[in-house]
Amino acid sequence: MNESQISVRYAKALFHLAEENRVLDRINQDMELLSETCRMEDFRYLLALPSLQASRKQIIVESVLKAHVNEESMSMIGLVIKNNREVYLPAIARNFGDLYRKAKNIRSASFVTAAAVGNEVIEHIRKLVSDTYQSEVDLNTDLRYDASVSGSLRKMKKQLLKSSTENR
């Protein structure tokens, strides 16, 4: 069984359990927290460490997450670790998020700019996409450095104009 199938199966099982127990929103928050935690290099190292027994991993992971996540989420995480599938936790959290967004009709979108924009612009874009697709929008913003030739020329021109007016 490939890793995609494994993570999808665990995510679907948790999703159906969350729906059944009417804690879907809370479990989604737990999976977002798990996803953020899995981005930490030390946590990923812990999950991938083959010399550490599953029972020790489970104790460590529980000490980190138990106070912050729902009982159903912690049970699933414990089961995944017990079955030696802990390296799939990031993918399980991601797949759960995909299932959640699909069930709640939430679209994901990315807004990439070369210059910082205000909250009004971001909210306008969110509303525009929401109205276009008739759904909620999870809008991620990303500011990227403008390394284009035209961007560099524009910056040089601005600096030259600024320095020439200061020298007068």
C-alpha atoms as a PDB file:
ATOM      1  CA  MET A   1       0.000   0.000   0.000  1.00  0.00           C
ATOM      2  CA  ASN A   2       1.491   3.354  -0.934  1.00  0.00           C
ATOM      3  CA  GLU A   3       1.753   6.294   1.447  1.00  0.00           C
ATOM      4  CA  SER A   4      -1.056   8.237  -0.203  1.00  0.00           C
ATOM      5  CA  GLN A   5      -3.546   5.437   0.346  1.00  0.00           C
ATOM      6  CA  ILE A   6      -2.462   5.027   3.965  1.00  0.00           C
ATOM      7  CA  SER A   7      -2.840   8.702   4.835  1.00  0.00           C
ATOM      8  CA  VAL A   8      -6.148   9.004   2.968  1.00  0.00           C
ATOM      9  CA  ARG A   9      -7.617   6.003   4.787  1.00  0.00           C
ATOM     10  CA  TYR A  10      -6.696   7.328   8.220  1.00  0.00           C
ATOM     11  CA  ALA A  11      -7.957  10.797   7.302  1.00  0.00           C
ATOM     12  CA  LYS A  12     -11.285   9.420   6.017  1.00  0.00           C
ATOM     13  CA  ALA A  13     -11.766   7.276   9.120  1.00  0.00           C
ATOM     14  CA  LEU A  14     -11.132  10.272  11.387  1.00  0.00           C
ATOM     15  CA  PHE A  15     -13.378  12.462   9.232  1.00  0.00           C
ATOM     16  CA  HIS A  16     -16.294  10.028   9.481  1.00  0.00           C
ATOM     17  CA  LEU A  17     -15.784   9.680  13.238  1.00  0.00           C
ATOM     18  CA  ALA A  18     -15.737  13.475  13.609  1.00  0.00           C
ATOM     19  CA  GLU A  19     -18.932  13.792  11.552  1.00  0.00           C
ATOM     20  CA  GLU A  20     -20.623  11.069  13.544  1.00  0.00           C
ATOM     21  CA  ASN A  21     -19.676  12.671  16.878  1.00  0.00           C
ATOM     22  CA  ARG A  22     -20.490  16.178  15.574  1.00  0.00           C
ATOM     23  CA  VAL A  23     -17.017  17.524  16.343  1.00  0.00           C
ATOM     24  CA  LEU A  24     -15.878  18.152  12.781  1.00  0.00           C
ATOM     25  CA  ASP A  25     -14.812  21.773  13.336  1.00  0.00           C
ATOM     26  CA  ARG A  26     -12.876  20.907  16.488  1.00  0.00           C
ATOM     27  CA  ILE A  27     -11.085  17.957  14.851  1.00  0.00           C
ATOM     28  CA  ASN A  28     -10.187  20.202  11.913  1.00  0.00           C
ATOM     29  CA  GLN A  29      -8.567  22.638  14.352  1.00  0.00           C
ATOM     30  CA  ASP A  30      -6.684  19.693  15.859  1.00  0.00           C
ATOM     31  CA  MET A  31      -5.436  18.611  12.445  1.00  0.00           C
ATOM     32  CA  GLU A  32      -4.318  22.180  11.691  1.00  0.00           C
ATOM     33  CA  LEU A  33      -2.387  22.165  14.975  1.00  0.00           C
ATOM     34  CA  LEU A  34      -0.906  18.767  14.132  1.00  0.00           C
ATOM     35  CA  SER A  35       0.097  20.046  10.716  1.00  0.00           C
ATOM     36  CA  GLU A  36       1.825  23.082  12.265  1.00  0.00           C
ATOM     37  CA  THR A  37       3.552  20.850  14.815  1.00  0.00           C
ATOM     38  CA  CYS A  38       4.752  18.510  12.067  1.00  0.00           C
ATOM     39  CA  ARG A  39       6.457  21.473  10.378  1.00  0.00           C
ATOM     40  CA  MET A  40       8.829  21.677  13.357  1.00  0.00           C
ATOM     41  CA  GLU A  41      12.104  19.981  12.496  1.00  0.00           C
ATOM     42  CA  ASP A  42      12.530  18.354  15.942  1.00  0.00           C
ATOM     43  CA  PHE A  43       9.029  16.879  15.833  1.00  0.00           C
ATOM     44  CA  ARG A  44       9.575  15.437  12.339  1.00  0.00           C
ATOM     45  CA  TYR A  45      12.876  13.986  13.552  1.00  0.00           C
ATOM     46  CA  LEU A  46      11.079  12.348  16.488  1.00  0.00           C
ATOM     47  CA  LEU A  47       8.490  10.789  14.175  1.00  0.00           C
ATOM     48  CA  ALA A  48      11.119   9.436  11.794  1.00  0.00           C
ATOM     49  CA  LEU A  49      13.511   8.122  14.468  1.00  0.00           C
ATOM     50  CA  PRO A  50      13.578   4.333  13.938  1.00  0.00           C
ATOM     51  CA  SER A  51      15.453   3.547  17.163  1.00  0.00           C
ATOM     52  CA  LEU A  52      12.731   5.027  19.387  1.00  0.00           C
ATOM     53  CA  GLN A  53      10.015   2.541  20.325  1.00  0.00           C
ATOM     54  CA  ALA A  54       6.426   3.346  19.350  1.00  0.00           C
ATOM     55  CA  SER A  55       5.349   3.388  23.002  1.00  0.00           C
ATOM     56  CA  ARG A  56       7.980   6.050  23.823  1.00  0.00           C
ATOM     57  CA  LYS A  57       7.005   8.079  20.755  1.00  0.00           C
ATOM     58  CA  GLN A  58       3.381   7.927  21.833  1.00  0.00           C
ATOM     59  CA  ILE A  59       4.231   9.168  25.341  1.00  0.00           C
ATOM     60  CA  ILE A  60       6.254  12.068  23.931  1.00  0.00           C
ATOM     61  CA  VAL A  61       3.649  13.027  21.336  1.00  0.00           C
ATOM     62  CA  GLU A  62       0.871  12.842  23.948  1.00  0.00           C
ATOM     63  CA  SER A  63       2.844  15.093  26.289  1.00  0.00           C
ATOM     64  CA  VAL A  64       3.121  17.653  23.499  1.00  0.00           C
ATOM     65  CA  LEU A  65      -0.426  17.486  22.079  1.00  0.00           C
ATOM     66  CA  LYS A  66      -2.844  15.997  24.630  1.00  0.00           C
ATOM     67  CA  ALA A  67      -3.708  19.278  26.365  1.00  0.00           C
ATOM     68  CA  HIS A  68      -4.479  20.926  23.021  1.00  0.00           C
ATOM     69  CA  VAL A  69      -6.390  18.346  20.992  1.00  0.00           C
ATOM     70  CA  ASN A  70      -9.692  16.495  21.181  1.00  0.00           C
ATOM     71  CA  GLU A  71      -9.884  12.943  22.524  1.00  0.00           C
ATOM     72  CA  GLU A  72     -10.788  11.546  19.088  1.00  0.00           C
ATOM     73  CA  SER A  73      -7.768  13.219  17.516  1.00  0.00           C
ATOM     74  CA  MET A  74      -5.443  11.930  20.206  1.00  0.00           C
ATOM     75  CA  SER A  75      -6.833   8.397  19.807  1.00  0.00           C
ATOM     76  CA  MET A  76      -6.195   8.483  16.059  1.00  0.00           C
ATOM     77  CA  ILE A  77      -2.669   9.826  16.558  1.00  0.00           C
ATOM     78  CA  GLY A  78      -2.008   7.094  19.116  1.00  0.00           C
ATOM     79  CA  LEU A  79      -3.315   4.422  16.743  1.00  0.00           C
ATOM     80  CA  VAL A  80      -1.153   5.727  13.904  1.00  0.00           C
ATOM     81  CA  ILE A  81       1.935   5.610  16.126  1.00  0.00           C
ATOM     82  CA  LYS A  82       1.024   2.152  17.476  1.00  0.00           C
ATOM     83  CA  ASN A  83       0.795   0.881  13.886  1.00  0.00           C
ATOM     84  CA  ASN A  84       4.221   2.388  13.081  1.00  0.00           C
ATOM     85  CA  ARG A  85       2.709   4.839  10.597  1.00  0.00           C
ATOM     86  CA  GLU A  86       3.737   8.042  12.410  1.00  0.00           C
ATOM     87  CA  VAL A  87       5.650   9.400   9.421  1.00  0.00           C
ATOM     88  CA  TYR A  88       2.256   9.719   7.706  1.00  0.00           C
ATOM     89  CA  LEU A  89       0.842  12.121  10.322  1.00  0.00           C
ATOM     90  CA  PRO A  90       1.561  15.270   8.240  1.00  0.00           C
ATOM     91  CA  ALA A  91      -0.164  13.722   5.197  1.00  0.00           C
ATOM     92  CA  ILE A  92      -3.091  12.518   7.326  1.00  0.00           C
ATOM     93  CA  ALA A  93      -3.594  16.052   8.691  1.00  0.00           C
ATOM     94  CA  ARG A  94      -3.383  17.504   5.159  1.00  0.00           C
ATOM     95  CA  ASN A  95      -5.854  14.968   3.757  1.00  0.00           C
ATOM     96  CA  PHE A  96      -8.258  15.590   6.625  1.00  0.00           C
ATOM     97  CA  GLY A  97      -8.103  19.314   5.822  1.00  0.00           C
ATOM     98  CA  ASP A  98      -8.917  18.567   2.182  1.00  0.00           C
ATOM     99  CA  LEU A  99     -11.937  16.475   3.218  1.00  0.00           C
ATOM    100  CA  TYR A 100     -13.075  19.183   5.628  1.00  0.00           C
ATOM    101  CA  ARG A 101     -12.835  21.975   3.043  1.00  0.00           C
ATOM    102  CA  LYS A 102     -14.717  19.864   0.503  1.00  0.00           C
ATOM    103  CA  ALA A 103     -17.501  19.082   2.993  1.00  0.00           C
ATOM    104  CA  LYS A 104     -17.787  22.735   4.058  1.00  0.00           C
ATOM    105  CA  ASN A 105     -17.512  24.057   0.470  1.00  0.00           C
ATOM    106  CA  ILE A 106     -14.382  26.042   1.265  1.00  0.00           C
ATOM    107  CA  ARG A 107     -12.071  26.876  -1.614  1.00  0.00           C
ATOM    108  CA  SER A 108      -8.366  27.487  -1.163  1.00  0.00           C
ATOM    109  CA  ALA A 109      -6.717  30.300  -3.050  1.00  0.00           C
ATOM    110  CA  SER A 110      -3.300  31.935  -3.023  1.00  0.00           C
ATOM    111  CA  PHE A 111      -2.657  35.606  -3.607  1.00  0.00           C
ATOM    112  CA  VAL A 112       0.958  36.336  -4.565  1.00  0.00           C
ATOM    113  CA  THR A 113       2.212  39.915  -4.789  1.00  0.00           C
ATOM    114  CA  ALA A 114       5.526  41.654  -5.256  1.00  0.00           C
ATOM    115  CA  ALA A 115       4.459  44.527  -2.982  1.00  0.00           C
ATOM    116  CA  ALA A 116       2.638  44.573   0.335  1.00  0.00           C
ATOM    117  CA  VAL A 117      -1.104  45.220   0.108  1.00  0.00           C
ATOM    118  CA  GLY A 118      -3.582  46.356   2.729  1.00  0.00           C
ATOM    119  CA  ASN A 119      -6.264  44.298   4.425  1.00  0.00           C
ATOM    120  CA  GLU A 120      -8.963  46.024   2.355  1.00  0.00           C
ATOM    121  CA  VAL A 121      -7.432  44.685  -0.855  1.00  0.00           C
ATOM    122  CA  ILE A 122      -7.120  41.177   0.583  1.00  0.00           C
ATOM    123  CA  GLU A 123     -10.730  41.208   1.790  1.00  0.00           C
ATOM    124  CA  HIS A 124     -11.891  42.544  -1.597  1.00  0.00           C
ATOM    125  CA  ILE A 125     -10.103  39.679  -3.370  1.00  0.00           C
ATOM    126  CA  ARG A 126     -11.522  37.159  -0.878  1.00  0.00           C
ATOM    127  CA  LYS A 127     -15.049  38.490  -1.527  1.00  0.00           C
ATOM    128  CA  LEU A 128     -14.512  38.479  -5.291  1.00  0.00           C
ATOM    129  CA  VAL A 129     -13.371  34.845  -5.302  1.00  0.00           C
ATOM    130  CA  SER A 130     -16.130  33.900  -2.846  1.00  0.00           C
ATOM    131  CA  ASP A 131     -18.802  35.483  -5.035  1.00  0.00           C
ATOM    132  CA  THR A 132     -17.367  33.940  -8.193  1.00  0.00           C
ATOM    133  CA  TYR A 133     -17.281  30.393  -6.828  1.00  0.00           C
ATOM    134  CA  GLN A 134     -20.259  30.693  -4.447  1.00  0.00           C
ATOM    135  CA  SER A 135     -18.246  29.344  -1.527  1.00  0.00           C
ATOM    136  CA  GLU A 136     -16.121  30.349   1.427  1.00  0.00           C
ATOM    137  CA  VAL A 137     -12.514  31.108   0.588  1.00  0.00           C
ATOM    138  CA  ASP A 138      -9.393  30.249   2.539  1.00  0.00           C
ATOM    139  CA  LEU A 139      -7.065  32.888   1.084  1.00  0.00           C
ATOM    140  CA  ASN A 140      -3.323  32.548   1.636  1.00  0.00           C
ATOM    141  CA  THR A 141      -1.208  35.591   0.911  1.00  0.00           C
ATOM    142  CA  ASP A 142       2.416  35.454  -0.125  1.00  0.00           C
ATOM    143  CA  LEU A 143       4.746  38.383  -0.608  1.00  0.00           C
ATOM    144  CA  ARG A 144       7.502  37.570  -3.081  1.00  0.00           C
ATOM    145  CA  TYR A 145      10.550  39.606  -3.870  1.00  0.00           C
ATOM    146  CA  ASP A 146      10.376  41.259  -7.270  1.00  0.00           C
ATOM    147  CA  ALA A 147      13.602  40.198  -9.000  1.00  0.00           C
ATOM    148  CA  SER A 148      12.481  41.056 -12.516  1.00  0.00           C
ATOM    149  CA  VAL A 149      14.489  43.384 -14.736  1.00  0.00           C
ATOM    150  CA  SER A 150      11.616  45.862 -14.946  1.00  0.00           C
ATOM    151  CA  GLY A 151      11.297  45.810 -11.151  1.00  0.00           C
ATOM    152  CA  SER A 152      15.025  46.466 -10.759  1.00  0.00           C
ATOM    153  CA  LEU A 153      14.910  49.313 -13.278  1.00  0.00           C
ATOM    154  CA  ARG A 154      11.922  50.829 -11.494  1.00  0.00           C
ATOM    155  CA  LYS A 155      13.789  50.722  -8.164  1.00  0.00           C
ATOM    156  CA  MET A 156      16.916  52.268  -9.709  1.00  0.00           C
ATOM    157  CA  LYS A 157      14.874  55.051 -11.265  1.00  0.00           C
ATOM    158  CA  LYS A 158      13.191  55.736  -7.935  1.00  0.00           C
ATOM    159  CA  GLN A 159      16.550  55.850  -6.133  1.00  0.00           C
ATOM    160  CA  LEU A 160      18.088  58.132  -8.778  1.00  0.00           C
ATOM    161  CA  LEU A 161      15.146  60.522  -8.611  1.00  0.00           C
ATOM    162  CA  LYS A 162      15.278  60.519  -4.835  1.00  0.00           C
ATOM    163  CA  SER A 163      19.033  61.186  -4.721  1.00  0.00           C
ATOM    164  CA  SER A 164      18.825  63.917  -7.390  1.00  0.00           C
ATOM    165  CA  THR A 165      16.104  65.780  -5.462  1.00  0.00           C
ATOM    166  CA  GLU A 166      18.075  65.452  -2.205  1.00  0.00           C
ATOM    167  CA  ASN A 167      21.205  66.931  -3.815  1.00  0.00           C
ATOM    168  CA  ARG A 168      19.426  70.074  -4.945  1.00  0.00           C
END
